[in-house]
Amino acid sequence: MLALTATAGMPVAAASITLYETRLDEIFAQASFGSSPIDIRFREPVELVAPELLDIDSDADYERLRFTYTERFPVTTIRMFFVDRISFCGKPKRRGIGGCTNSTIVVLDAQKLRGNPDRQGVDELMAHELAHVFLGNGHTGGRNLMNPSMANGRDELTLEQASRIVHGRVGRSESGPLWVQSDERGRYLEIVPVLVVAKPGDADIRPPRHY
């Protein structure tokens, strides 16, 4: 599981999210992908009523998320959970962290991603966590997207990394389906945003803001 440090602040409703779809498209269509750019496609957001999961604070919480909505969506659809706080990612974190990837799920702190006109690297944070699904737990340095110190402009992926993303299979098994699918529009990766809320109706389910 991988963590990224976020700025501290008051908890906010996880229903308030921003999806940087256009920026993610740019990152996953950079030159290292050659003729195989990946279109990031978000499904309509869904609500998960689970007040005990608003603060992710244990391995058990990630285990619960991993088995949430497994039958509702295709196995090639990545579930991206938006919560109020992430205070555990492999080990306890006293300060809030921006994101954590556990196996095939991505968990993001909604506060880190919302209401930030300057973005301050949050689009790279989302892309970084998404890439961990394919690239595993490793980190790199320099301007690479997998640098654990997130900042605007650290978004590069090597040819080898791009190839692993394009050809990555569910379960990292040779017999598993490819995460990246293809249709008449080209290659794409499908993500469903899951908004964790305290009670039914807390999430105002409508198309989120895209940048």
Protein backbone atom coordinates (compact mmCIF):
# COMPACT_ATOMS: atom_id res chain seq x y z
CA MET A 1 0.00 0.00 0.00
CA LEU A 2 1.29 3.44 -0.89
CA ALA A 3 0.67 6.74 0.81
CA LEU A 4 1.09 10.37 -0.15
CA THR A 5 1.26 13.16 2.43
CA ALA A 6 -1.65 15.62 2.35
CA THR A 7 -2.17 18.96 3.98
CA ALA A 8 -3.98 18.90 7.31
CA GLY A 9 -7.47 20.33 7.68
CA MET A 10 -10.99 19.79 8.91
CA PRO A 11 -12.94 16.74 7.66
CA VAL A 12 -15.34 17.38 4.80
CA ALA A 13 -18.08 15.35 3.17
CA ALA A 14 -16.61 12.76 0.87
CA ALA A 15 -19.47 13.47 -1.51
CA SER A 16 -17.63 16.56 -2.74
CA ILE A 17 -15.16 15.35 -5.33
CA THR A 18 -13.33 16.63 -8.34
CA LEU A 19 -12.18 14.34 -11.12
CA TYR A 20 -9.22 15.54 -13.18
CA GLU A 21 -10.21 13.49 -16.21
CA THR A 22 -8.69 15.75 -18.84
CA ARG A 23 -5.39 15.89 -16.98
CA LEU A 24 -5.38 12.12 -16.46
CA ASP A 25 -5.95 11.66 -20.19
CA GLU A 26 -2.87 13.79 -20.85
CA ILE A 27 -0.71 11.82 -18.42
CA PHE A 28 -1.75 8.44 -19.81
CA ALA A 29 -1.34 9.57 -23.41
CA GLN A 30 2.16 11.05 -23.11
CA ALA A 31 4.90 10.21 -25.59
CA SER A 32 6.01 7.02 -23.78
CA PHE A 33 2.66 5.43 -24.71
CA GLY A 34 3.44 5.90 -28.40
CA SER A 35 0.51 4.72 -30.53
CA SER A 36 -1.26 3.24 -27.50
CA PRO A 37 -2.62 6.22 -25.52
CA ILE A 38 -5.14 5.38 -22.80
CA ASP A 39 -8.42 7.26 -22.46
CA ILE A 40 -9.48 7.53 -18.80
CA ARG A 41 -13.25 7.07 -18.53
CA PHE A 42 -15.17 7.67 -15.32
CA ARG A 43 -18.51 5.99 -14.77
CA GLU A 44 -21.27 7.78 -12.87
CA PRO A 45 -20.40 8.01 -9.15
CA VAL A 46 -22.08 5.65 -6.70
CA GLU A 47 -22.76 5.99 -2.97
CA LEU A 48 -21.46 3.67 -0.25
CA VAL A 49 -23.15 4.14 3.13
CA ALA A 50 -20.47 3.16 5.63
CA PRO A 51 -19.79 5.69 8.40
CA GLU A 52 -17.14 3.41 9.88
CA LEU A 53 -15.15 3.76 6.64
CA LEU A 54 -15.07 7.55 6.47
CA ASP A 55 -11.67 7.37 8.19
CA ILE A 56 -9.57 4.55 6.79
CA ASP A 57 -7.49 3.50 9.79
CA SER A 58 -6.66 -0.22 9.45
CA ASP A 59 -5.89 -3.06 7.06
CA ALA A 60 -9.38 -4.36 7.83
CA ASP A 61 -10.88 -1.21 6.30
CA TYR A 62 -9.03 -1.78 3.04
CA GLU A 63 -10.13 -5.41 3.05
CA ARG A 64 -13.76 -4.31 3.32
CA LEU A 65 -13.35 -1.87 0.44
CA ARG A 66 -11.69 -4.52 -1.71
CA PHE A 67 -14.83 -6.67 -1.51
CA THR A 68 -17.29 -3.81 -2.05
CA TYR A 69 -19.16 -3.72 -5.37
CA THR A 70 -17.11 -6.58 -6.79
CA GLU A 71 -20.20 -8.02 -8.50
CA ARG A 72 -21.70 -4.71 -9.62
CA PHE A 73 -18.98 -3.78 -12.09
CA PRO A 74 -16.73 -5.67 -14.51
CA VAL A 75 -13.47 -6.94 -13.02
CA THR A 76 -11.63 -4.55 -15.35
CA THR A 77 -13.30 -1.51 -13.76
CA ILE A 78 -11.11 0.09 -11.12
CA ARG A 79 -12.96 1.22 -7.98
CA MET A 80 -11.79 4.61 -6.71
CA PHE A 81 -13.03 5.39 -3.19
CA PHE A 82 -13.35 8.93 -1.84
CA VAL A 83 -13.27 9.18 1.96
CA ASP A 84 -12.99 11.89 4.61
CA ARG A 85 -9.59 10.83 5.93
CA ILE A 86 -6.86 8.25 5.42
CA SER A 87 -4.96 7.68 8.65
CA PHE A 88 -3.52 4.25 7.81
CA CYS A 89 -1.59 3.01 4.82
CA GLY A 90 0.55 0.02 5.69
CA LYS A 91 1.08 1.64 9.07
CA PRO A 92 -0.65 4.38 11.11
CA LYS A 93 -0.28 7.94 9.83
CA ARG A 94 -0.69 10.74 12.35
CA ARG A 95 -1.19 13.32 9.63
CA GLY A 96 -3.76 12.95 6.92
CA ILE A 97 -2.49 11.39 3.71
CA GLY A 98 -3.77 12.10 0.23
CA GLY A 99 -4.05 8.65 -1.24
CA CYS A 100 -3.33 4.98 -0.79
CA THR A 101 -3.46 2.08 -3.24
CA ASN A 102 -4.22 -1.38 -1.92
CA SER A 103 -4.00 -4.13 -4.52
CA THR A 104 -6.67 -3.20 -7.10
CA ILE A 105 -8.45 -0.36 -5.29
CA VAL A 106 -7.55 3.30 -5.03
CA VAL A 107 -8.51 5.31 -1.93
CA LEU A 108 -8.33 9.11 -1.99
CA ASP A 109 -8.87 11.82 0.60
CA ALA A 110 -11.71 13.92 -0.85
CA GLN A 111 -10.48 17.02 0.98
CA LYS A 112 -7.15 16.90 -0.80
CA LEU A 113 -8.87 16.88 -4.18
CA ARG A 114 -11.63 19.44 -3.71
CA GLY A 115 -11.78 23.20 -3.91
CA ASN A 116 -8.17 23.61 -4.99
CA PRO A 117 -8.00 26.05 -7.91
CA ASP A 118 -4.23 25.70 -8.22
CA ARG A 119 -4.42 21.86 -8.07
CA GLN A 120 -0.99 21.77 -6.38
CA GLY A 121 -0.22 18.36 -7.77
CA VAL A 122 -3.51 16.71 -6.83
CA ASP A 123 -4.12 15.57 -10.41
CA GLU A 124 -0.68 13.92 -10.35
CA LEU A 125 -1.62 12.40 -6.97
CA MET A 126 -4.68 10.75 -8.52
CA ALA A 127 -2.64 9.52 -11.50
CA HIS A 128 0.17 8.32 -9.18
CA GLU A 129 -2.19 6.17 -7.12
CA LEU A 130 -3.87 4.83 -10.24
CA ALA A 131 -0.51 3.84 -11.71
CA HIS A 132 0.32 1.83 -8.56
CA VAL A 133 -2.42 -0.63 -9.57
CA PHE A 134 -0.23 -1.59 -12.53
CA LEU A 135 3.29 -0.85 -11.32
CA GLY A 136 3.16 -2.23 -7.78
CA ASN A 137 4.65 -0.63 -4.70
CA GLY A 138 7.84 0.82 -6.18
CA HIS A 139 8.76 4.50 -6.26
CA THR A 140 11.25 6.42 -8.38
CA GLY A 141 12.81 9.88 -8.31
CA GLY A 142 13.18 12.90 -10.52
CA ARG A 143 10.21 14.07 -12.57
CA ASN A 144 8.71 10.59 -12.77
CA LEU A 145 5.04 10.19 -11.85
CA MET A 146 6.05 7.54 -9.32
CA ASN A 147 8.12 9.97 -7.28
CA PRO A 148 6.48 9.79 -3.81
CA SER A 149 6.96 13.53 -3.34
CA MET A 150 4.14 14.89 -5.44
CA ALA A 151 4.39 18.24 -7.16
CA ASN A 152 3.12 19.87 -10.32
CA GLY A 153 5.07 18.64 -13.33
CA ARG A 154 6.20 15.31 -11.87
CA ASP A 155 4.19 13.30 -14.34
CA GLU A 156 6.61 11.44 -16.61
CA LEU A 157 6.36 7.71 -17.29
CA THR A 158 9.11 5.65 -18.91
CA LEU A 159 8.59 3.37 -21.89
CA GLU A 160 8.80 0.37 -19.59
CA GLN A 161 6.24 1.79 -17.18
CA ALA A 162 3.86 2.68 -20.02
CA SER A 163 4.17 -0.84 -21.43
CA ARG A 164 3.34 -2.38 -18.04
CA ILE A 165 0.24 -0.21 -17.80
CA VAL A 166 -0.96 -0.99 -21.33
CA HIS A 167 -0.39 -4.72 -20.93
CA GLY A 168 -1.26 -5.08 -17.24
CA ARG A 169 -3.66 -7.90 -16.37
CA VAL A 170 -6.16 -8.22 -13.54
CA GLY A 171 -4.58 -10.24 -10.74
CA ARG A 172 -1.18 -9.86 -12.47
CA SER A 173 -1.82 -13.27 -13.98
CA GLU A 174 -1.04 -14.26 -17.56
CA SER A 175 -4.56 -15.63 -17.84
CA GLY A 176 -6.29 -12.58 -16.37
CA PRO A 177 -8.10 -10.02 -18.55
CA LEU A 178 -6.33 -6.83 -19.53
CA TRP A 179 -7.15 -3.82 -17.38
CA VAL A 180 -6.95 -1.59 -20.44
CA GLN A 181 -9.79 -2.37 -22.83
CA SER A 182 -10.33 -1.36 -26.46
CA ASP A 183 -13.30 -0.26 -28.54
CA GLU A 184 -13.91 1.74 -31.72
CA ARG A 185 -12.58 4.87 -29.98
CA GLY A 186 -9.32 3.24 -28.92
CA ARG A 187 -7.80 2.04 -25.66
CA TYR A 188 -9.46 3.03 -22.41
CA LEU A 189 -9.41 2.43 -18.68
CA GLU A 190 -12.70 2.52 -16.80
CA ILE A 191 -12.99 3.85 -13.25
CA VAL A 192 -16.01 4.06 -10.97
CA PRO A 193 -15.88 6.77 -8.27
CA VAL A 194 -17.36 5.48 -4.98
CA LEU A 195 -18.36 8.17 -2.49
CA VAL A 196 -18.27 6.96 1.11
CA VAL A 197 -20.95 8.64 3.23
CA ALA A 198 -22.34 8.41 6.76
CA LYS A 199 -26.01 7.91 5.87
CA PRO A 200 -28.20 7.49 2.78
CA GLY A 201 -28.60 10.69 0.83
CA ASP A 202 -25.45 12.35 2.18
CA ALA A 203 -23.99 12.14 -1.32
CA ASP A 204 -25.48 14.47 -3.88
CA ILE A 205 -25.03 12.01 -6.75
CA ARG A 206 -24.63 14.03 -9.90
CA PRO A 207 -21.87 14.35 -12.47
CA PRO A 208 -18.82 15.61 -10.56
CA ARG A 209 -16.67 18.46 -11.77
CA HIS A 210 -14.10 17.45 -14.36
CA TYR A 211 -10.91 19.40 -15.14
